[in-house]
Amino acid sequence: MTKKEEAISFEEAMEQLEQVVDKLEQGDVPLEQAIEMFQQGMDLSKQCHVKLEHIEKQMDQILHEDGELEELDLSGEDQE
């Protein structure tokens, strides 16, 4: 993920994605602009997906299979 992508929160990315979708659904956007907006929407969707995967990994770290809490490293670095 680039620094720009990291700077935007999941909620901000979702809000921007919803705005892009709303504009595209209105159907009054010139084709060239619609293509650019579609690409922006795809990028935002990918950012949201990556952020959700990261959160899922964090949640997996928090809970053991038996449901007990375990120590969590919130530094953002993947542990493998």
PDB file of N, CA and C in Angstrom:
ATOM      1  N   MET A   1       0.834  -1.181   0.000  1.00  0.00           N
ATOM      2  CA  MET A   1       0.000   0.000   0.000  1.00  0.00           C
ATOM      3  C   MET A   1       0.878   1.243   0.000  1.00  0.00           C
ATOM      4  N   THR A   2       0.493   2.263  -0.769  1.00  0.00           N
ATOM      5  CA  THR A   2       1.265   3.493  -0.796  1.00  0.00           C
ATOM      6  C   THR A   2       0.926   4.341   0.421  1.00  0.00           C
ATOM      7  N   LYS A   3       1.760   5.353   0.657  1.00  0.00           N
ATOM      8  CA  LYS A   3       1.523   6.253   1.805  1.00  0.00           C
ATOM      9  C   LYS A   3       0.173   6.941   1.685  1.00  0.00           C
ATOM     10  N   LYS A   4      -0.207   7.308   0.460  1.00  0.00           N
ATOM     11  CA  LYS A   4      -1.500   7.964   0.253  1.00  0.00           C
ATOM     12  C   LYS A   4      -2.637   7.028   0.636  1.00  0.00           C
ATOM     13  N   GLU A   5      -2.531   5.744   0.247  1.00  0.00           N
ATOM     14  CA  GLU A   5      -3.567   4.779   0.572  1.00  0.00           C
ATOM     15  C   GLU A   5      -3.637   4.529   2.069  1.00  0.00           C
ATOM     16  N   GLU A   6      -2.472   4.542   2.745  1.00  0.00           N
ATOM     17  CA  GLU A   6      -2.452   4.320   4.184  1.00  0.00           C
ATOM     18  C   GLU A   6      -3.055   5.499   4.935  1.00  0.00           C
ATOM     19  N   ALA A   7      -2.954   6.700   4.356  1.00  0.00           N
ATOM     20  CA  ALA A   7      -3.414   7.898   5.043  1.00  0.00           C
ATOM     21  C   ALA A   7      -4.935   7.982   5.117  1.00  0.00           C
ATOM     22  N   ILE A   8      -5.620   7.326   4.215  1.00  0.00           N
ATOM     23  CA  ILE A   8      -7.076   7.378   4.187  1.00  0.00           C
ATOM     24  C   ILE A   8      -7.644   6.230   5.036  1.00  0.00           C
ATOM     25  N   SER A   9      -8.627   6.555   5.850  1.00  0.00           N
ATOM     26  CA  SER A   9      -9.227   5.523   6.697  1.00  0.00           C
ATOM     27  C   SER A   9     -10.198   4.678   5.882  1.00  0.00           C
ATOM     28  N   PHE A  10     -10.560   3.533   6.433  1.00  0.00           N
ATOM     29  CA  PHE A  10     -11.535   2.661   5.778  1.00  0.00           C
ATOM     30  C   PHE A  10     -12.839   3.415   5.547  1.00  0.00           C
ATOM     31  N   GLU A  11     -13.268   4.150   6.557  1.00  0.00           N
ATOM     32  CA  GLU A  11     -14.533   4.877   6.461  1.00  0.00           C
ATOM     33  C   GLU A  11     -14.485   5.945   5.373  1.00  0.00           C
ATOM     34  N   GLU A  12     -13.344   6.650   5.271  1.00  0.00           N
ATOM     35  CA  GLU A  12     -13.199   7.666   4.235  1.00  0.00           C
ATOM     36  C   GLU A  12     -13.203   7.026   2.845  1.00  0.00           C
ATOM     37  N   ALA A  13     -12.513   5.898   2.714  1.00  0.00           N
ATOM     38  CA  ALA A  13     -12.481   5.203   1.428  1.00  0.00           C
ATOM     39  C   ALA A  13     -13.873   4.739   1.040  1.00  0.00           C
ATOM     40  N   MET A  14     -14.631   4.206   1.987  1.00  0.00           N
ATOM     41  CA  MET A  14     -15.990   3.758   1.690  1.00  0.00           C
ATOM     42  C   MET A  14     -16.882   4.939   1.289  1.00  0.00           C
ATOM     43  N   GLU A  15     -16.732   6.055   1.977  1.00  0.00           N
ATOM     44  CA  GLU A  15     -17.541   7.238   1.655  1.00  0.00           C
ATOM     45  C   GLU A  15     -17.223   7.729   0.239  1.00  0.00           C
ATOM     46  N   GLN A  16     -15.932   7.775  -0.103  1.00  0.00           N
ATOM     47  CA  GLN A  16     -15.545   8.198  -1.450  1.00  0.00           C
ATOM     48  C   GLN A  16     -16.055   7.212  -2.495  1.00  0.00           C
ATOM     49  N   LEU A  17     -15.980   5.925  -2.184  1.00  0.00           N
ATOM     50  CA  LEU A  17     -16.468   4.900  -3.103  1.00  0.00           C
ATOM     51  C   LEU A  17     -17.972   5.061  -3.331  1.00  0.00           C
ATOM     52  N   GLU A  18     -18.723   5.319  -2.271  1.00  0.00           N
ATOM     53  CA  GLU A  18     -20.163   5.525  -2.406  1.00  0.00           C
ATOM     54  C   GLU A  18     -20.468   6.741  -3.275  1.00  0.00           C
ATOM     55  N   GLN A  19     -19.672   7.809  -3.126  1.00  0.00           N
ATOM     56  CA  GLN A  19     -19.867   9.006  -3.946  1.00  0.00           C
ATOM     57  C   GLN A  19     -19.617   8.711  -5.416  1.00  0.00           C
ATOM     58  N   VAL A  20     -18.564   7.953  -5.699  1.00  0.00           N
ATOM     59  CA  VAL A  20     -18.249   7.579  -7.081  1.00  0.00           C
ATOM     60  C   VAL A  20     -19.392   6.754  -7.666  1.00  0.00           C
ATOM     61  N   VAL A  21     -19.860   5.771  -6.908  1.00  0.00           N
ATOM     62  CA  VAL A  21     -20.940   4.914  -7.388  1.00  0.00           C
ATOM     63  C   VAL A  21     -22.205   5.734  -7.646  1.00  0.00           C
ATOM     64  N   ASP A  22     -22.538   6.628  -6.727  1.00  0.00           N
ATOM     65  CA  ASP A  22     -23.730   7.470  -6.901  1.00  0.00           C
ATOM     66  C   ASP A  22     -23.647   8.289  -8.183  1.00  0.00           C
ATOM     67  N   LYS A  23     -22.474   8.899  -8.433  1.00  0.00           N
ATOM     68  CA  LYS A  23     -22.311   9.719  -9.638  1.00  0.00           C
ATOM     69  C   LYS A  23     -22.427   8.862 -10.895  1.00  0.00           C
ATOM     70  N   LEU A  24     -21.816   7.681 -10.851  1.00  0.00           N
ATOM     71  CA  LEU A  24     -21.883   6.804 -12.026  1.00  0.00           C
ATOM     72  C   LEU A  24     -23.297   6.293 -12.263  1.00  0.00           C
ATOM     73  N   GLU A  25     -24.035   6.030 -11.197  1.00  0.00           N
ATOM     74  CA  GLU A  25     -25.411   5.549 -11.340  1.00  0.00           C
ATOM     75  C   GLU A  25     -26.332   6.614 -11.926  1.00  0.00           C
ATOM     76  N   GLN A  26     -26.004   7.887 -11.727  1.00  0.00           N
ATOM     77  CA  GLN A  26     -26.825   8.959 -12.286  1.00  0.00           C
ATOM     78  C   GLN A  26     -26.785   8.936 -13.812  1.00  0.00           C
ATOM     79  N   GLY A  27     -25.666   8.445 -14.362  1.00  0.00           N
ATOM     80  CA  GLY A  27     -25.577   8.241 -15.795  1.00  0.00           C
ATOM     81  C   GLY A  27     -25.333   9.471 -16.641  1.00  0.00           C
ATOM     82  N   ASP A  28     -25.133  10.634 -16.051  1.00  0.00           N
ATOM     83  CA  ASP A  28     -24.926  11.839 -16.846  1.00  0.00           C
ATOM     84  C   ASP A  28     -23.462  12.287 -16.850  1.00  0.00           C
ATOM     85  N   VAL A  29     -22.550  11.325 -16.740  1.00  0.00           N
ATOM     86  CA  VAL A  29     -21.122  11.604 -16.726  1.00  0.00           C
ATOM     87  C   VAL A  29     -20.563  11.261 -18.103  1.00  0.00           C
ATOM     88  N   PRO A  30     -19.763  12.173 -18.683  1.00  0.00           N
ATOM     89  CA  PRO A  30     -19.147  11.852 -19.981  1.00  0.00           C
ATOM     90  C   PRO A  30     -18.317  10.567 -19.886  1.00  0.00           C
ATOM     91  N   LEU A  31     -18.233   9.853 -20.999  1.00  0.00           N
ATOM     92  CA  LEU A  31     -17.588   8.544 -21.024  1.00  0.00           C
ATOM     93  C   LEU A  31     -16.169   8.569 -20.460  1.00  0.00           C
ATOM     94  N   GLU A  32     -15.354   9.516 -20.880  1.00  0.00           N
ATOM     95  CA  GLU A  32     -13.967   9.578 -20.410  1.00  0.00           C
ATOM     96  C   GLU A  32     -13.911   9.764 -18.892  1.00  0.00           C
ATOM     97  N   GLN A  33     -14.767  10.639 -18.376  1.00  0.00           N
ATOM     98  CA  GLN A  33     -14.819  10.876 -16.938  1.00  0.00           C
ATOM     99  C   GLN A  33     -15.352   9.645 -16.211  1.00  0.00           C
ATOM    100  N   ALA A  34     -16.315   8.963 -16.818  1.00  0.00           N
ATOM    101  CA  ALA A  34     -16.881   7.761 -16.213  1.00  0.00           C
ATOM    102  C   ALA A  34     -15.816   6.677 -16.084  1.00  0.00           C
ATOM    103  N   ILE A  35     -14.959   6.552 -17.094  1.00  0.00           N
ATOM    104  CA  ILE A  35     -13.890   5.561 -17.035  1.00  0.00           C
ATOM    105  C   ILE A  35     -12.910   5.898 -15.917  1.00  0.00           C
ATOM    106  N   GLU A  36     -12.549   7.171 -15.799  1.00  0.00           N
ATOM    107  CA  GLU A  36     -11.655   7.604 -14.719  1.00  0.00           C
ATOM    108  C   GLU A  36     -12.287   7.351 -13.356  1.00  0.00           C
ATOM    109  N   MET A  37     -13.567   7.649 -13.236  1.00  0.00           N
ATOM    110  CA  MET A  37     -14.270   7.444 -11.972  1.00  0.00           C
ATOM    111  C   MET A  37     -14.363   5.955 -11.650  1.00  0.00           C
ATOM    112  N   PHE A  38     -14.597   5.132 -12.686  1.00  0.00           N
ATOM    113  CA  PHE A  38     -14.649   3.693 -12.475  1.00  0.00           C
ATOM    114  C   PHE A  38     -13.315   3.185 -11.938  1.00  0.00           C
ATOM    115  N   GLN A  39     -12.195   3.658 -12.535  1.00  0.00           N
ATOM    116  CA  GLN A  39     -10.864   3.257 -12.070  1.00  0.00           C
ATOM    117  C   GLN A  39     -10.642   3.710 -10.629  1.00  0.00           C
ATOM    118  N   GLN A  40     -11.068   4.932 -10.308  1.00  0.00           N
ATOM    119  CA  GLN A  40     -10.947   5.439  -8.938  1.00  0.00           C
ATOM    120  C   GLN A  40     -11.751   4.553  -7.997  1.00  0.00           C
ATOM    121  N   GLY A  41     -12.942   4.165  -8.406  1.00  0.00           N
ATOM    122  CA  GLY A  41     -13.778   3.291  -7.590  1.00  0.00           C
ATOM    123  C   GLY A  41     -13.130   1.939  -7.364  1.00  0.00           C
ATOM    124  N   MET A  42     -12.516   1.389  -8.406  1.00  0.00           N
ATOM    125  CA  MET A  42     -11.823   0.107  -8.274  1.00  0.00           C
ATOM    126  C   MET A  42     -10.651   0.227  -7.296  1.00  0.00           C
ATOM    127  N   ASP A  43      -9.912   1.324  -7.384  1.00  0.00           N
ATOM    128  CA  ASP A  43      -8.790   1.548  -6.461  1.00  0.00           C
ATOM    129  C   ASP A  43      -9.290   1.663  -5.018  1.00  0.00           C
ATOM    130  N   LEU A  44     -10.369   2.399  -4.824  1.00  0.00           N
ATOM    131  CA  LEU A  44     -10.933   2.545  -3.482  1.00  0.00           C
ATOM    132  C   LEU A  44     -11.434   1.205  -2.957  1.00  0.00           C
ATOM    133  N   SER A  45     -12.062   0.422  -3.824  1.00  0.00           N
ATOM    134  CA  SER A  45     -12.542  -0.902  -3.431  1.00  0.00           C
ATOM    135  C   SER A  45     -11.382  -1.789  -2.996  1.00  0.00           C
ATOM    136  N   LYS A  46     -10.288  -1.740  -3.726  1.00  0.00           N
ATOM    137  CA  LYS A  46      -9.103  -2.528  -3.371  1.00  0.00           C
ATOM    138  C   LYS A  46      -8.544  -2.089  -2.022  1.00  0.00           C
ATOM    139  N   GLN A  47      -8.487  -0.762  -1.802  1.00  0.00           N
ATOM    140  CA  GLN A  47      -7.999  -0.248  -0.522  1.00  0.00           C
ATOM    141  C   GLN A  47      -8.853  -0.777   0.628  1.00  0.00           C
ATOM    142  N   CYS A  48     -10.168  -0.734   0.451  1.00  0.00           N
ATOM    143  CA  CYS A  48     -11.074  -1.228   1.494  1.00  0.00           C
ATOM    144  C   CYS A  48     -10.842  -2.713   1.746  1.00  0.00           C
ATOM    145  N   HIS A  49     -10.681  -3.476   0.676  1.00  0.00           N
ATOM    146  CA  HIS A  49     -10.456  -4.913   0.807  1.00  0.00           C
ATOM    147  C   HIS A  49      -9.163  -5.193   1.577  1.00  0.00           C
ATOM    148  N   VAL A  50      -8.097  -4.488   1.246  1.00  0.00           N
ATOM    149  CA  VAL A  50      -6.806  -4.677   1.923  1.00  0.00           C
ATOM    150  C   VAL A  50      -6.927  -4.312   3.398  1.00  0.00           C
ATOM    151  N   LYS A  51      -7.606  -3.211   3.680  1.00  0.00           N
ATOM    152  CA  LYS A  51      -7.771  -2.794   5.077  1.00  0.00           C
ATOM    153  C   LYS A  51      -8.586  -3.818   5.867  1.00  0.00           C
ATOM    154  N   LEU A  52      -9.634  -4.367   5.250  1.00  0.00           N
ATOM    155  CA  LEU A  52     -10.440  -5.384   5.924  1.00  0.00           C
ATOM    156  C   LEU A  52      -9.632  -6.658   6.177  1.00  0.00           C
ATOM    157  N   GLU A  53      -8.810  -7.048   5.210  1.00  0.00           N
ATOM    158  CA  GLU A  53      -7.951  -8.218   5.415  1.00  0.00           C
ATOM    159  C   GLU A  53      -6.986  -7.994   6.569  1.00  0.00           C
ATOM    160  N   HIS A  54      -6.436  -6.783   6.667  1.00  0.00           N
ATOM    161  CA  HIS A  54      -5.516  -6.453   7.753  1.00  0.00           C
ATOM    162  C   HIS A  54      -6.233  -6.542   9.103  1.00  0.00           C
ATOM    163  N   ILE A  55      -7.433  -6.003   9.175  1.00  0.00           N
ATOM    164  CA  ILE A  55      -8.222  -6.064  10.415  1.00  0.00           C
ATOM    165  C   ILE A  55      -8.545  -7.505  10.766  1.00  0.00           C
ATOM    166  N   GLU A  56      -8.868  -8.313   9.760  1.00  0.00           N
ATOM    167  CA  GLU A  56      -9.167  -9.717  10.010  1.00  0.00           C
ATOM    168  C   GLU A  56      -7.948 -10.435  10.599  1.00  0.00           C
ATOM    169  N   LYS A  57      -6.770 -10.138  10.078  1.00  0.00           N
ATOM    170  CA  LYS A  57      -5.543 -10.734  10.618  1.00  0.00           C
ATOM    171  C   LYS A  57      -5.328 -10.302  12.070  1.00  0.00           C
ATOM    172  N   GLN A  58      -5.604  -9.024  12.350  1.00  0.00           N
ATOM    173  CA  GLN A  58      -5.475  -8.542  13.726  1.00  0.00           C
ATOM    174  C   GLN A  58      -6.452  -9.266  14.652  1.00  0.00           C
ATOM    175  N   MET A  59      -7.676  -9.456  14.182  1.00  0.00           N
ATOM    176  CA  MET A  59      -8.671 -10.148  14.999  1.00  0.00           C
ATOM    177  C   MET A  59      -8.256 -11.597  15.243  1.00  0.00           C
ATOM    178  N   ASP A  60      -7.693 -12.238  14.225  1.00  0.00           N
ATOM    179  CA  ASP A  60      -7.203 -13.609  14.389  1.00  0.00           C
ATOM    180  C   ASP A  60      -6.101 -13.670  15.430  1.00  0.00           C
ATOM    181  N   GLN A  61      -5.259 -12.637  15.472  1.00  0.00           N
ATOM    182  CA  GLN A  61      -4.195 -12.594  16.462  1.00  0.00           C
ATOM    183  C   GLN A  61      -4.747 -12.406  17.870  1.00  0.00           C
ATOM    184  N   ILE A  62      -5.847 -11.690  17.975  1.00  0.00           N
ATOM    185  CA  ILE A  62      -6.423 -11.400  19.289  1.00  0.00           C
ATOM    186  C   ILE A  62      -6.999 -12.662  19.923  1.00  0.00           C
ATOM    187  N   LEU A  63      -7.645 -13.468  19.115  1.00  0.00           N
ATOM    188  CA  LEU A  63      -8.331 -14.640  19.653  1.00  0.00           C
ATOM    189  C   LEU A  63      -7.628 -15.933  19.256  1.00  0.00           C
ATOM    190  N   HIS A  64      -7.397 -16.784  20.227  1.00  0.00           N
ATOM    191  CA  HIS A  64      -6.922 -18.139  19.946  1.00  0.00           C
ATOM    192  C   HIS A  64      -8.104 -18.952  19.430  1.00  0.00           C
ATOM    193  N   GLU A  65      -7.831 -20.146  18.984  1.00  0.00           N
ATOM    194  CA  GLU A  65      -8.914 -21.018  18.538  1.00  0.00           C
ATOM    195  C   GLU A  65      -9.905 -21.292  19.658  1.00  0.00           C
ATOM    196  N   ASP A  66      -9.425 -21.306  20.903  1.00  0.00           N
ATOM    197  CA  ASP A  66     -10.321 -21.575  22.027  1.00  0.00           C
ATOM    198  C   ASP A  66     -10.961 -20.312  22.591  1.00  0.00           C
ATOM    199  N   GLY A  67     -10.730 -19.170  21.940  1.00  0.00           N
ATOM    200  CA  GLY A  67     -11.387 -17.941  22.362  1.00  0.00           C
ATOM    201  C   GLY A  67     -10.667 -17.142  23.423  1.00  0.00           C
ATOM    202  N   GLU A  68      -9.469 -17.574  23.839  1.00  0.00           N
ATOM    203  CA  GLU A  68      -8.722 -16.820  24.840  1.00  0.00           C
ATOM    204  C   GLU A  68      -7.988 -15.669  24.183  1.00  0.00           C
ATOM    205  N   LEU A  69      -7.835 -14.595  24.935  1.00  0.00           N
ATOM    206  CA  LEU A  69      -7.111 -13.438  24.426  1.00  0.00           C
ATOM    207  C   LEU A  69      -5.626 -13.744  24.360  1.00  0.00           C
ATOM    208  N   GLU A  70      -4.963 -13.142  23.376  1.00  0.00           N
ATOM    209  CA  GLU A  70      -3.518 -13.273  23.288  1.00  0.00           C
ATOM    210  C   GLU A  70      -2.934 -11.906  22.982  1.00  0.00           C
ATOM    211  N   GLU A  71      -1.640 -11.760  23.184  1.00  0.00           N
ATOM    212  CA  GLU A  71      -0.967 -10.496  22.959  1.00  0.00           C
ATOM    213  C   GLU A  71      -1.035 -10.117  21.491  1.00  0.00           C
ATOM    214  N   LEU A  72      -1.233  -8.827  21.216  1.00  0.00           N
ATOM    215  CA  LEU A  72      -1.402  -8.339  19.863  1.00  0.00           C
ATOM    216  C   LEU A  72      -0.341  -7.294  19.547  1.00  0.00           C
ATOM    217  N   ASP A  73       0.318  -7.426  18.405  1.00  0.00           N
ATOM    218  CA  ASP A  73       1.281  -6.451  17.936  1.00  0.00           C
ATOM    219  C   ASP A  73       0.549  -5.518  16.979  1.00  0.00           C
ATOM    220  N   LEU A  74       0.324  -4.273  17.384  1.00  0.00           N
ATOM    221  CA  LEU A  74      -0.407  -3.326  16.560  1.00  0.00           C
ATOM    222  C   LEU A  74       0.508  -2.463  15.705  1.00  0.00           C
ATOM    223  N   SER A  75       1.747  -2.899  15.536  1.00  0.00           N
ATOM    224  CA  SER A  75       2.690  -2.107  14.748  1.00  0.00           C
ATOM    225  C   SER A  75       2.346  -2.107  13.273  1.00  0.00           C
ATOM    226  N   GLY A  76       1.464  -3.011  12.837  1.00  0.00           N
ATOM    227  CA  GLY A  76       1.058  -3.076  11.449  1.00  0.00           C
ATOM    228  C   GLY A  76       1.918  -3.991  10.616  1.00  0.00           C
ATOM    229  N   GLU A  77       2.925  -4.578  11.207  1.00  0.00           N
ATOM    230  CA  GLU A  77       3.796  -5.490  10.481  1.00  0.00           C
ATOM    231  C   GLU A  77       3.206  -6.891  10.557  1.00  0.00           C
ATOM    232  N   ASP A  78       3.201  -7.583   9.417  1.00  0.00           N
ATOM    233  CA  ASP A  78       2.696  -8.947   9.386  1.00  0.00           C
ATOM    234  C   ASP A  78       3.674  -9.870  10.065  1.00  0.00           C
ATOM    235  N   GLN A  79       3.141 -10.793  10.842  1.00  0.00           N
ATOM    236  CA  GLN A  79       3.969 -11.787  11.495  1.00  0.00           C
ATOM    237  C   GLN A  79       3.694 -13.115  10.833  1.00  0.00           C
ATOM    238  N   GLU A  80       4.689 -13.731  10.282  1.00  0.00           N
ATOM    239  CA  GLU A  80       4.493 -15.030   9.648  1.00  0.00           C
ATOM    240  C   GLU A  80       5.497 -15.996  10.144  1.00  0.00           C
TER     241      GLU A  80
END
